[in-house]
PDB file of N, CA and C in Angstrom:
ATOM      1  N   MET A   1     260.291 106.667  36.397  1.00  0.00           N
ATOM      2  CA  MET A   1     259.941 106.018  37.630  1.00  0.00           C
ATOM      3  C   MET A   1     259.202 107.021  38.524  1.00  0.00           C
ATOM      4  N   THR A   2     258.100 106.590  39.117  1.00  0.00           N
ATOM      5  CA  THR A   2     257.306 107.450  39.987  1.00  0.00           C
ATOM      6  C   THR A   2     258.003 107.642  41.324  1.00  0.00           C
ATOM      7  N   GLU A   3     258.092 108.881  41.745  1.00  0.00           N
ATOM      8  CA  GLU A   3     258.749 109.221  43.006  1.00  0.00           C
ATOM      9  C   GLU A   3     257.939 108.750  44.208  1.00  0.00           C
ATOM     10  N   ILE A   4     258.632 108.347  45.250  1.00  0.00           N
ATOM     11  CA  ILE A   4     258.023 107.994  46.528  1.00  0.00           C
ATOM     12  C   ILE A   4     258.490 109.031  47.543  1.00  0.00           C
ATOM     13  N   THR A   5     257.527 109.656  48.225  1.00  0.00           N
ATOM     14  CA  THR A   5     257.826 110.650  49.244  1.00  0.00           C
ATOM     15  C   THR A   5     257.310 110.144  50.585  1.00  0.00           C
ATOM     16  N   ARG A   6     258.155 110.239  51.603  1.00  0.00           N
ATOM     17  CA  ARG A   6     257.787 109.774  52.941  1.00  0.00           C
ATOM     18  C   ARG A   6     257.809 110.945  53.923  1.00  0.00           C
ATOM     19  N   HIS A   7     256.849 110.949  54.856  1.00  0.00           N
ATOM     20  CA  HIS A   7     256.747 111.988  55.880  1.00  0.00           C
ATOM     21  C   HIS A   7     256.736 111.335  57.259  1.00  0.00           C
ATOM     22  N   HIS A   8     257.325 112.027  58.230  1.00  0.00           N
ATOM     23  CA  HIS A   8     257.363 111.529  59.618  1.00  0.00           C
ATOM     24  C   HIS A   8     257.948 110.126  59.657  1.00  0.00           C
ATOM     25  N   THR A   9     259.147 110.019  59.105  1.00  0.00           N
ATOM     26  CA  THR A   9     259.800 108.725  58.970  1.00  0.00           C
ATOM     27  C   THR A   9     260.716 108.447  60.151  1.00  0.00           C
ATOM     28  N   THR A  10     260.627 107.233  60.645  1.00  0.00           N
ATOM     29  CA  THR A  10     261.535 106.726  61.669  1.00  0.00           C
ATOM     30  C   THR A  10     262.230 105.509  61.066  1.00  0.00           C
ATOM     31  N   PRO A  11     263.167 104.914  61.774  1.00  0.00           N
ATOM     32  CA  PRO A  11     263.790 103.697  61.239  1.00  0.00           C
ATOM     33  C   PRO A  11     262.794 102.562  60.993  1.00  0.00           C
ATOM     34  N   ARG A  12     261.642 102.613  61.664  1.00  0.00           N
ATOM     35  CA  ARG A  12     260.658 101.543  61.561  1.00  0.00           C
ATOM     36  C   ARG A  12     259.575 101.795  60.516  1.00  0.00           C
ATOM     37  N   MET A  13     259.138 103.049  60.395  1.00  0.00           N
ATOM     38  CA  MET A  13     257.979 103.317  59.538  1.00  0.00           C
ATOM     39  C   MET A  13     257.846 104.789  59.199  1.00  0.00           C
ATOM     40  N   SER A  14     256.958 105.076  58.264  1.00  0.00           N
ATOM     41  CA  SER A  14     256.582 106.443  57.910  1.00  0.00           C
ATOM     42  C   SER A  14     255.093 106.609  58.182  1.00  0.00           C
ATOM     43  N   GLN A  15     254.701 107.774  58.660  1.00  0.00           N
ATOM     44  CA  GLN A  15     253.279 108.035  58.896  1.00  0.00           C
ATOM     45  C   GLN A  15     252.522 108.262  57.592  1.00  0.00           C
ATOM     46  N   ILE A  16     253.197 108.857  56.598  1.00  0.00           N
ATOM     47  CA  ILE A  16     252.586 109.124  55.297  1.00  0.00           C
ATOM     48  C   ILE A  16     253.572 108.686  54.224  1.00  0.00           C
ATOM     49  N   VAL A  17     253.067 107.951  53.239  1.00  0.00           N
ATOM     50  CA  VAL A  17     253.871 107.601  52.071  1.00  0.00           C
ATOM     51  C   VAL A  17     253.054 107.974  50.841  1.00  0.00           C
ATOM     52  N   GLN A  18     253.662 108.798  49.977  1.00  0.00           N
ATOM     53  CA  GLN A  18     253.016 109.191  48.723  1.00  0.00           C
ATOM     54  C   GLN A  18     253.747 108.514  47.575  1.00  0.00           C
ATOM     55  N   HIS A  19     252.969 107.872  46.711  1.00  0.00           N
ATOM     56  CA  HIS A  19     253.519 107.235  45.506  1.00  0.00           C
ATOM     57  C   HIS A  19     252.621 107.659  44.353  1.00  0.00           C
ATOM     58  N   GLY A  20     253.119 108.548  43.536  1.00  0.00           N
ATOM     59  CA  GLY A  20     252.274 109.090  42.479  1.00  0.00           C
ATOM     60  C   GLY A  20     251.104 109.826  43.098  1.00  0.00           C
ATOM     61  N   ASP A  21     249.912 109.465  42.681  1.00  0.00           N
ATOM     62  CA  ASP A  21     248.710 110.107  43.201  1.00  0.00           C
ATOM     63  C   ASP A  21     248.049 109.316  44.324  1.00  0.00           C
ATOM     64  N   THR A  22     248.742 108.315  44.848  1.00  0.00           N
ATOM     65  CA  THR A  22     248.195 107.502  45.934  1.00  0.00           C
ATOM     66  C   THR A  22     248.941 107.813  47.222  1.00  0.00           C
ATOM     67  N   VAL A  23     248.176 107.940  48.301  1.00  0.00           N
ATOM     68  CA  VAL A  23     248.716 108.258  49.618  1.00  0.00           C
ATOM     69  C   VAL A  23     248.334 107.147  50.588  1.00  0.00           C
ATOM     70  N   TYR A  24     249.327 106.671  51.304  1.00  0.00           N
ATOM     71  CA  TYR A  24     249.120 105.616  52.292  1.00  0.00           C
ATOM     72  C   TYR A  24     249.431 106.184  53.667  1.00  0.00           C
ATOM     73  N   LEU A  25     248.518 106.014  54.615  1.00  0.00           N
ATOM     74  CA  LEU A  25     248.782 106.413  55.988  1.00  0.00           C
ATOM     75  C   LEU A  25     249.077 105.172  56.816  1.00  0.00           C
ATOM     76  N   ALA A  26     250.003 105.303  57.738  1.00  0.00           N
ATOM     77  CA  ALA A  26     250.274 104.223  58.686  1.00  0.00           C
ATOM     78  C   ALA A  26     249.030 104.010  59.547  1.00  0.00           C
ATOM     79  N   GLY A  27     248.940 102.854  60.153  1.00  0.00           N
ATOM     80  CA  GLY A  27     247.830 102.591  61.067  1.00  0.00           C
ATOM     81  C   GLY A  27     247.841 103.597  62.203  1.00  0.00           C
ATOM     82  N   GLN A  28     246.693 104.187  62.468  1.00  0.00           N
ATOM     83  CA  GLN A  28     246.560 105.196  63.512  1.00  0.00           C
ATOM     84  C   GLN A  28     245.913 104.579  64.744  1.00  0.00           C
ATOM     85  N   ILE A  29     246.575 104.754  65.868  1.00  0.00           N
ATOM     86  CA  ILE A  29     246.090 104.280  67.162  1.00  0.00           C
ATOM     87  C   ILE A  29     245.595 105.494  67.928  1.00  0.00           C
ATOM     88  N   GLY A  30     244.450 105.342  68.579  1.00  0.00           N
ATOM     89  CA  GLY A  30     243.864 106.470  69.294  1.00  0.00           C
ATOM     90  C   GLY A  30     244.133 106.443  70.783  1.00  0.00           C
ATOM     91  N   GLU A  31     243.749 107.523  71.419  1.00  0.00           N
ATOM     92  CA  GLU A  31     243.868 107.650  72.868  1.00  0.00           C
ATOM     93  C   GLU A  31     242.479 107.657  73.465  1.00  0.00           C
ATOM     94  N   GLY A  32     242.377 107.200  74.706  1.00  0.00           N
ATOM     95  CA  GLY A  32     241.109 107.168  75.411  1.00  0.00           C
ATOM     96  C   GLY A  32     240.852 105.807  76.014  1.00  0.00           C
ATOM     97  N   ALA A  33     239.835 105.747  76.854  1.00  0.00           N
ATOM     98  CA  ALA A  33     239.523 104.509  77.572  1.00  0.00           C
ATOM     99  C   ALA A  33     238.527 103.630  76.834  1.00  0.00           C
ATOM    100  N   THR A  34     237.733 104.229  75.922  1.00  0.00           N
ATOM    101  CA  THR A  34     236.687 103.458  75.237  1.00  0.00           C
ATOM    102  C   THR A  34     236.986 103.353  73.748  1.00  0.00           C
ATOM    103  N   VAL A  35     236.312 102.431  73.106  1.00  0.00           N
ATOM    104  CA  VAL A  35     236.444 102.298  71.658  1.00  0.00           C
ATOM    105  C   VAL A  35     235.994 103.583  70.965  1.00  0.00           C
ATOM    106  N   ALA A  36     234.920 104.201  71.447  1.00  0.00           N
ATOM    107  CA  ALA A  36     234.446 105.450  70.842  1.00  0.00           C
ATOM    108  C   ALA A  36     235.508 106.538  70.940  1.00  0.00           C
ATOM    109  N   GLU A  37     236.118 106.693  72.110  1.00  0.00           N
ATOM    110  CA  GLU A  37     237.149 107.714  72.287  1.00  0.00           C
ATOM    111  C   GLU A  37     238.365 107.424  71.410  1.00  0.00           C
ATOM    112  N   GLN A  38     238.785 106.173  71.379  1.00  0.00           N
ATOM    113  CA  GLN A  38     239.949 105.821  70.574  1.00  0.00           C
ATOM    114  C   GLN A  38     239.656 105.961  69.081  1.00  0.00           C
ATOM    115  N   THR A  39     238.454 105.603  68.664  1.00  0.00           N
ATOM    116  CA  THR A  39     238.092 105.753  67.254  1.00  0.00           C
ATOM    117  C   THR A  39     238.120 107.224  66.855  1.00  0.00           C
ATOM    118  N   GLN A  40     237.520 108.083  67.666  1.00  0.00           N
ATOM    119  CA  GLN A  40     237.515 109.518  67.353  1.00  0.00           C
ATOM    120  C   GLN A  40     238.939 110.055  67.304  1.00  0.00           C
ATOM    121  N   SER A  41     239.776 109.627  68.226  1.00  0.00           N
ATOM    122  CA  SER A  41     241.168 110.057  68.246  1.00  0.00           C
ATOM    123  C   SER A  41     241.904 109.605  66.986  1.00  0.00           C
ATOM    124  N   CYS A  42     241.684 108.357  66.570  1.00  0.00           N
ATOM    125  CA  CYS A  42     242.285 107.844  65.326  1.00  0.00           C
ATOM    126  C   CYS A  42     241.858 108.688  64.137  1.00  0.00           C
ATOM    127  N   LEU A  43     240.575 108.962  64.047  1.00  0.00           N
ATOM    128  CA  LEU A  43     240.050 109.718  62.908  1.00  0.00           C
ATOM    129  C   LEU A  43     240.545 111.156  62.917  1.00  0.00           C
ATOM    130  N   ASN A  44     240.725 111.735  64.096  1.00  0.00           N
ATOM    131  CA  ASN A  44     241.315 113.076  64.182  1.00  0.00           C
ATOM    132  C   ASN A  44     242.741 113.061  63.642  1.00  0.00           C
ATOM    133  N   LYS A  45     243.492 112.000  63.948  1.00  0.00           N
ATOM    134  CA  LYS A  45     244.860 111.873  63.440  1.00  0.00           C
ATOM    135  C   LYS A  45     244.856 111.714  61.923  1.00  0.00           C
ATOM    136  N   VAL A  46     243.909 110.937  61.395  1.00  0.00           N
ATOM    137  CA  VAL A  46     243.783 110.782  59.938  1.00  0.00           C
ATOM    138  C   VAL A  46     243.521 112.147  59.308  1.00  0.00           C
ATOM    139  N   ASP A  47     242.568 112.895  59.874  1.00  0.00           N
ATOM    140  CA  ASP A  47     242.271 114.240  59.360  1.00  0.00           C
ATOM    141  C   ASP A  47     243.526 115.108  59.341  1.00  0.00           C
ATOM    142  N   ALA A  48     244.290 115.093  60.421  1.00  0.00           N
ATOM    143  CA  ALA A  48     245.485 115.947  60.529  1.00  0.00           C
ATOM    144  C   ALA A  48     246.556 115.538  59.521  1.00  0.00           C
ATOM    145  N   LEU A  49     246.782 114.237  59.363  1.00  0.00           N
ATOM    146  CA  LEU A  49     247.795 113.785  58.405  1.00  0.00           C
ATOM    147  C   LEU A  49     247.395 114.125  56.975  1.00  0.00           C
ATOM    148  N   LEU A  50     246.128 113.921  56.643  1.00  0.00           N
ATOM    149  CA  LEU A  50     245.669 114.262  55.300  1.00  0.00           C
ATOM    150  C   LEU A  50     245.783 115.773  55.056  1.00  0.00           C
ATOM    151  N   ALA A  51     245.401 116.570  56.043  1.00  0.00           N
ATOM    152  CA  ALA A  51     245.472 118.031  55.898  1.00  0.00           C
ATOM    153  C   ALA A  51     246.914 118.484  55.684  1.00  0.00           C
ATOM    154  N   GLU A  52     247.832 117.805  56.308  1.00  0.00           N
ATOM    155  CA  GLU A  52     249.245 118.161  56.179  1.00  0.00           C
ATOM    156  C   GLU A  52     249.728 118.106  54.727  1.00  0.00           C
ATOM    157  N   ILE A  53     249.120 117.233  53.931  1.00  0.00           N
ATOM    158  CA  ILE A  53     249.522 117.121  52.528  1.00  0.00           C
ATOM    159  C   ILE A  53     248.442 117.666  51.587  1.00  0.00           C
ATOM    160  N   GLY A  54     247.546 118.483  52.143  1.00  0.00           N
ATOM    161  CA  GLY A  54     246.559 119.185  51.331  1.00  0.00           C
ATOM    162  C   GLY A  54     245.339 118.377  50.939  1.00  0.00           C
ATOM    163  N   LEU A  55     245.042 117.318  51.687  1.00  0.00           N
ATOM    164  CA  LEU A  55     243.874 116.481  51.388  1.00  0.00           C
ATOM    165  C   LEU A  55     242.898 116.506  52.549  1.00  0.00           C
ATOM    166  N   ASP A  56     241.725 115.924  52.324  1.00  0.00           N
ATOM    167  CA  ASP A  56     240.769 115.722  53.405  1.00  0.00           C
ATOM    168  C   ASP A  56     240.114 114.354  53.228  1.00  0.00           C
ATOM    169  N   LYS A  57     239.221 114.020  54.132  1.00  0.00           N
ATOM    170  CA  LYS A  57     238.630 112.674  54.154  1.00  0.00           C
ATOM    171  C   LYS A  57     237.799 112.345  52.914  1.00  0.00           C
ATOM    172  N   THR A  58     237.430 113.332  52.115  1.00  0.00           N
ATOM    173  CA  THR A  58     236.689 113.032  50.884  1.00  0.00           C
ATOM    174  C   THR A  58     237.574 112.339  49.850  1.00  0.00           C
ATOM    175  N   ARG A  59     238.888 112.345  50.068  1.00  0.00           N
ATOM    176  CA  ARG A  59     239.844 111.735  49.134  1.00  0.00           C
ATOM    177  C   ARG A  59     240.203 110.302  49.519  1.00  0.00           C
ATOM    178  N   ILE A  60     239.610 109.785  50.612  1.00  0.00           N
ATOM    179  CA  ILE A  60     239.931 108.430  51.061  1.00  0.00           C
ATOM    180  C   ILE A  60     239.304 107.412  50.119  1.00  0.00           C
ATOM    181  N   LEU A  61     240.133 106.517  49.628  1.00  0.00           N
ATOM    182  CA  LEU A  61     239.686 105.434  48.745  1.00  0.00           C
ATOM    183  C   LEU A  61     239.287 104.202  49.539  1.00  0.00           C
ATOM    184  N   GLN A  62     240.108 103.867  50.529  1.00  0.00           N
ATOM    185  CA  GLN A  62     239.907 102.624  51.277  1.00  0.00           C
ATOM    186  C   GLN A  62     240.370 102.808  52.712  1.00  0.00           C
ATOM    187  N   SER A  63     239.673 102.148  53.612  1.00  0.00           N
ATOM    188  CA  SER A  63     240.086 102.123  55.010  1.00  0.00           C
ATOM    189  C   SER A  63     239.972 100.702  55.539  1.00  0.00           C
ATOM    190  N   THR A  64     240.944 100.331  56.345  1.00  0.00           N
ATOM    191  CA  THR A  64     240.902  99.057  57.056  1.00  0.00           C
ATOM    192  C   THR A  64     240.906  99.386  58.537  1.00  0.00           C
ATOM    193  N   ILE A  65     239.979  98.801  59.266  1.00  0.00           N
ATOM    194  CA  ILE A  65     239.854  99.059  60.700  1.00  0.00           C
ATOM    195  C   ILE A  65     240.039  97.742  61.433  1.00  0.00           C
ATOM    196  N   TRP A  66     240.936  97.762  62.399  1.00  0.00           N
ATOM    197  CA  TRP A  66     241.164  96.600  63.251  1.00  0.00           C
ATOM    198  C   TRP A  66     240.620  96.904  64.632  1.00  0.00           C
ATOM    199  N   LEU A  67     239.796  95.997  65.139  1.00  0.00           N
ATOM    200  CA  LEU A  67     239.273  96.104  66.498  1.00  0.00           C
ATOM    201  C   LEU A  67     239.862  94.983  67.341  1.00  0.00           C
ATOM    202  N   ALA A  68     240.173  95.287  68.595  1.00  0.00           N
ATOM    203  CA  ALA A  68     240.655  94.254  69.502  1.00  0.00           C
ATOM    204  C   ALA A  68     239.545  93.256  69.811  1.00  0.00           C
ATOM    205  N   ASP A  69     238.286  93.716  69.703  1.00  0.00           N
ATOM    206  CA  ASP A  69     237.134  92.866  70.003  1.00  0.00           C
ATOM    207  C   ASP A  69     235.972  93.286  69.103  1.00  0.00           C
ATOM    208  N   MET A  70     235.498  92.372  68.280  1.00  0.00           N
ATOM    209  CA  MET A  70     234.389  92.687  67.359  1.00  0.00           C
ATOM    210  C   MET A  70     233.105  93.040  68.097  1.00  0.00           C
ATOM    211  N   ALA A  71     233.038  92.775  69.393  1.00  0.00           N
ATOM    212  CA  ALA A  71     231.872  93.199  70.180  1.00  0.00           C
ATOM    213  C   ALA A  71     231.764  94.721  70.208  1.00  0.00           C
ATOM    214  N   ASP A  72     232.859  95.421  69.873  1.00  0.00           N
ATOM    215  CA  ASP A  72     232.876  96.885  69.849  1.00  0.00           C
ATOM    216  C   ASP A  72     232.530  97.470  68.481  1.00  0.00           C
ATOM    217  N   PHE A  73     232.127  96.617  67.548  1.00  0.00           N
ATOM    218  CA  PHE A  73     231.849  97.038  66.173  1.00  0.00           C
ATOM    219  C   PHE A  73     230.826  98.165  66.109  1.00  0.00           C
ATOM    220  N   ALA A  74     229.710  98.042  66.816  1.00  0.00           N
ATOM    221  CA  ALA A  74     228.650  99.064  66.761  1.00  0.00           C
ATOM    222  C   ALA A  74     229.139 100.390  67.341  1.00  0.00           C
ATOM    223  N   GLN A  75     229.892 100.334  68.438  1.00  0.00           N
ATOM    224  CA  GLN A  75     230.397 101.561  69.053  1.00  0.00           C
ATOM    225  C   GLN A  75     231.365 102.281  68.107  1.00  0.00           C
ATOM    226  N   MET A  76     232.246 101.522  67.450  1.00  0.00           N
ATOM    227  CA  MET A  76     233.167 102.115  66.481  1.00  0.00           C
ATOM    228  C   MET A  76     232.390 102.703  65.309  1.00  0.00           C
ATOM    229  N   ASN A  77     231.407 101.947  64.796  1.00  0.00           N
ATOM    230  CA  ASN A  77     230.621 102.412  63.652  1.00  0.00           C
ATOM    231  C   ASN A  77     229.865 103.701  63.947  1.00  0.00           C
ATOM    232  N   ASP A  78     229.401 103.865  65.168  1.00  0.00           N
ATOM    233  CA  ASP A  78     228.683 105.092  65.515  1.00  0.00           C
ATOM    234  C   ASP A  78     229.580 106.313  65.316  1.00  0.00           C
ATOM    235  N   VAL A  79     230.825 106.208  65.753  1.00  0.00           N
ATOM    236  CA  VAL A  79     231.776 107.312  65.572  1.00  0.00           C
ATOM    237  C   VAL A  79     232.117 107.468  64.094  1.00  0.00           C
ATOM    238  N   TRP A  80     232.405 106.355  63.440  1.00  0.00           N
ATOM    239  CA  TRP A  80     232.762 106.375  62.015  1.00  0.00           C
ATOM    240  C   TRP A  80     231.658 107.022  61.188  1.00  0.00           C
ATOM    241  N   ASP A  81     230.413 106.594  61.411  1.00  0.00           N
ATOM    242  CA  ASP A  81     229.290 107.084  60.611  1.00  0.00           C
ATOM    243  C   ASP A  81     229.090 108.589  60.748  1.00  0.00           C
ATOM    244  N   HIS A  82     229.413 109.151  61.915  1.00  0.00           N
ATOM    245  CA  HIS A  82     229.302 110.601  62.098  1.00  0.00           C
ATOM    246  C   HIS A  82     230.480 111.351  61.481  1.00  0.00           C
ATOM    247  N   TRP A  83     231.580 110.641  61.278  1.00  0.00           N
ATOM    248  CA  TRP A  83     232.804 111.261  60.751  1.00  0.00           C
ATOM    249  C   TRP A  83     232.881 111.230  59.232  1.00  0.00           C
ATOM    250  N   VAL A  84     232.507 110.119  58.625  1.00  0.00           N
ATOM    251  CA  VAL A  84     232.699 109.952  57.181  1.00  0.00           C
ATOM    252  C   VAL A  84     231.895 111.010  56.418  1.00  0.00           C
ATOM    253  N   ALA A  85     232.513 111.567  55.391  1.00  0.00           N
ATOM    254  CA  ALA A  85     231.866 112.624  54.610  1.00  0.00           C
ATOM    255  C   ALA A  85     230.710 112.043  53.789  1.00  0.00           C
ATOM    256  N   GLU A  86     229.543 112.658  53.897  1.00  0.00           N
ATOM    257  CA  GLU A  86     228.369 112.175  53.168  1.00  0.00           C
ATOM    258  C   GLU A  86     228.657 112.122  51.672  1.00  0.00           C
ATOM    259  N   GLY A  87     228.358 110.980  51.075  1.00  0.00           N
ATOM    260  CA  GLY A  87     228.583 110.789  49.653  1.00  0.00           C
ATOM    261  C   GLY A  87     230.009 110.404  49.305  1.00  0.00           C
ATOM    262  N   HIS A  88     230.877 110.258  50.317  1.00  0.00           N
ATOM    263  CA  HIS A  88     232.286 109.945  50.082  1.00  0.00           C
ATOM    264  C   HIS A  88     232.758 108.750  50.908  1.00  0.00           C
ATOM    265  N   ALA A  89     231.851 107.835  51.208  1.00  0.00           N
ATOM    266  CA  ALA A  89     232.242 106.662  51.994  1.00  0.00           C
ATOM    267  C   ALA A  89     233.257 105.830  51.203  1.00  0.00           C
ATOM    268  N   PRO A  90     234.402 105.523  51.814  1.00  0.00           N
ATOM    269  CA  PRO A  90     235.404 104.727  51.108  1.00  0.00           C
ATOM    270  C   PRO A  90     235.052 103.246  51.144  1.00  0.00           C
ATOM    271  N   ALA A  91     235.745 102.467  50.340  1.00  0.00           N
ATOM    272  CA  ALA A  91     235.691 101.016  50.505  1.00  0.00           C
ATOM    273  C   ALA A  91     236.271 100.755  51.890  1.00  0.00           C
ATOM    274  N   ARG A  92     235.695  99.789  52.609  1.00  0.00           N
ATOM    275  CA  ARG A  92     236.133  99.605  53.991  1.00  0.00           C
ATOM    276  C   ARG A  92     236.057  98.146  54.395  1.00  0.00           C
ATOM    277  N   ALA A  93     237.005  97.751  55.220  1.00  0.00           N
ATOM    278  CA  ALA A  93     236.983  96.427  55.834  1.00  0.00           C
ATOM    279  C   ALA A  93     237.225  96.616  57.322  1.00  0.00           C
ATOM    280  N   CYS A  94     236.667  95.730  58.119  1.00  0.00           N
ATOM    281  CA  CYS A  94     236.865  95.777  59.557  1.00  0.00           C
ATOM    282  C   CYS A  94     237.012  94.354  60.057  1.00  0.00           C
ATOM    283  N   GLY A  95     238.005  94.141  60.884  1.00  0.00           N
ATOM    284  CA  GLY A  95     238.212  92.810  61.427  1.00  0.00           C
ATOM    285  C   GLY A  95     238.748  92.884  62.837  1.00  0.00           C
ATOM    286  N   GLU A  96     238.816  91.729  63.456  1.00  0.00           N
ATOM    287  CA  GLU A  96     239.341  91.627  64.813  1.00  0.00           C
ATOM    288  C   GLU A  96     240.792  91.185  64.750  1.00  0.00           C
ATOM    289  N   ALA A  97     241.618  91.819  65.575  1.00  0.00           N
ATOM    290  CA  ALA A  97     243.038  91.466  65.613  1.00  0.00           C
ATOM    291  C   ALA A  97     243.599  91.763  66.997  1.00  0.00           C
ATOM    292  N   LYS A  98     244.591  91.004  67.369  1.00  0.00           N
ATOM    293  CA  LYS A  98     245.319  91.315  68.586  1.00  0.00           C
ATOM    294  C   LYS A  98     246.240  92.482  68.246  1.00  0.00           C
ATOM    295  N   LEU A  99     245.992  93.638  68.856  1.00  0.00           N
ATOM    296  CA  LEU A  99     246.763  94.835  68.559  1.00  0.00           C
ATOM    297  C   LEU A  99     248.046  94.865  69.388  1.00  0.00           C
ATOM    298  N   ALA A 100     248.917  95.818  69.110  1.00  0.00           N
ATOM    299  CA  ALA A 100     250.262  95.847  69.673  1.00  0.00           C
ATOM    300  C   ALA A 100     250.310  95.885  71.203  1.00  0.00           C
ATOM    301  N   ARG A 101     249.327  96.532  71.805  1.00  0.00           N
ATOM    302  CA  ARG A 101     249.269  96.604  73.277  1.00  0.00           C
ATOM    303  C   ARG A 101     247.841  96.353  73.721  1.00  0.00           C
ATOM    304  N   PRO A 102     247.651  95.807  74.920  1.00  0.00           N
ATOM    305  CA  PRO A 102     246.294  95.498  75.398  1.00  0.00           C
ATOM    306  C   PRO A 102     245.377  96.712  75.517  1.00  0.00           C
ATOM    307  N   ASP A 103     245.951  97.909  75.715  1.00  0.00           N
ATOM    308  CA  ASP A 103     245.118  99.106  75.844  1.00  0.00           C
ATOM    309  C   ASP A 103     244.702  99.679  74.492  1.00  0.00           C
ATOM    310  N   PHE A 104     245.253  99.157  73.402  1.00  0.00           N
ATOM    311  CA  PHE A 104     244.816  99.577  72.071  1.00  0.00           C
ATOM    312  C   PHE A 104     243.550  98.806  71.718  1.00  0.00           C
ATOM    313  N   LEU A 105     242.481  99.530  71.428  1.00  0.00           N
ATOM    314  CA  LEU A 105     241.196  98.909  71.119  1.00  0.00           C
ATOM    315  C   LEU A 105     240.842  98.994  69.642  1.00  0.00           C
ATOM    316  N   VAL A 106     241.438  99.953  68.926  1.00  0.00           N
ATOM    317  CA  VAL A 106     241.120 100.161  67.514  1.00  0.00           C
ATOM    318  C   VAL A 106     242.344 100.730  66.798  1.00  0.00           C
ATOM    319  N   GLU A 107     242.493 100.346  65.528  1.00  0.00           N
ATOM    320  CA  GLU A 107     243.538 100.892  64.672  1.00  0.00           C
ATOM    321  C   GLU A 107     242.920 101.134  63.299  1.00  0.00           C
ATOM    322  N   VAL A 108     243.214 102.293  62.712  1.00  0.00           N
ATOM    323  CA  VAL A 108     242.624 102.685  61.434  1.00  0.00           C
ATOM    324  C   VAL A 108     243.734 102.918  60.413  1.00  0.00           C
ATOM    325  N   LEU A 109     243.637 102.242  59.276  1.00  0.00           N
ATOM    326  CA  LEU A 109     244.562 102.433  58.154  1.00  0.00           C
ATOM    327  C   LEU A 109     243.800 103.069  57.002  1.00  0.00           C
ATOM    328  N   VAL A 110     244.485 103.940  56.237  1.00  0.00           N
ATOM    329  CA  VAL A 110     243.817 104.684  55.161  1.00  0.00           C
ATOM    330  C   VAL A 110     244.690 104.732  53.924  1.00  0.00           C
ATOM    331  N   ILE A 111     244.036 104.610  52.773  1.00  0.00           N
ATOM    332  CA  ILE A 111     244.649 104.875  51.473  1.00  0.00           C
ATOM    333  C   ILE A 111     243.805 105.957  50.816  1.00  0.00           C
ATOM    334  N   ALA A 112     244.473 106.987  50.297  1.00  0.00           N
ATOM    335  CA  ALA A 112     243.739 108.119  49.710  1.00  0.00           C
ATOM    336  C   ALA A 112     244.325 108.472  48.348  1.00  0.00           C
ATOM    337  N   ALA A 113     243.563 109.267  47.606  1.00  0.00           N
ATOM    338  CA  ALA A 113     243.980 109.711  46.266  1.00  0.00           C
ATOM    339  C   ALA A 113     244.266 111.203  46.291  1.00  0.00           C
ATOM    340  N   ARG A 114     245.366 111.574  45.639  1.00  0.00           N
ATOM    341  CA  ARG A 114     245.687 113.001  45.519  1.00  0.00           C
ATOM    342  C   ARG A 114     244.793 113.666  44.482  1.00  0.00           C
ATOM    343  N   ARG A 115     244.472 112.962  43.397  1.00  0.00           N
ATOM    344  CA  ARG A 115     243.613 113.528  42.340  1.00  0.00           C
ATOM    345  C   ARG A 115     242.463 112.610  42.068  1.00  0.00           C
TER     346      ARG A 115
END
């Protein structure tokens, strides 16, 4: 049976879950007043969590991005496009969703590969 390892676990969730060679990050919420600021903050958190387990953004297989308002799609993409590693763009989906709090404008989920 493949081991499951969890990091930064609370009674509700874990920030990182490793199952075999697959790594799942919890949805990352950013800080800031704008979608651009929150997106950059989310991506910084993704970078930090991946680095904690010896990975970087080139290992991302898939990302799901939730926006509170699809009108912010271009602003989010501008930050994303500058962040994503050239030649390593993951499979990605983006949709609109009512997020947990009204001040949350973007949430980023990531699945990555260890090998």
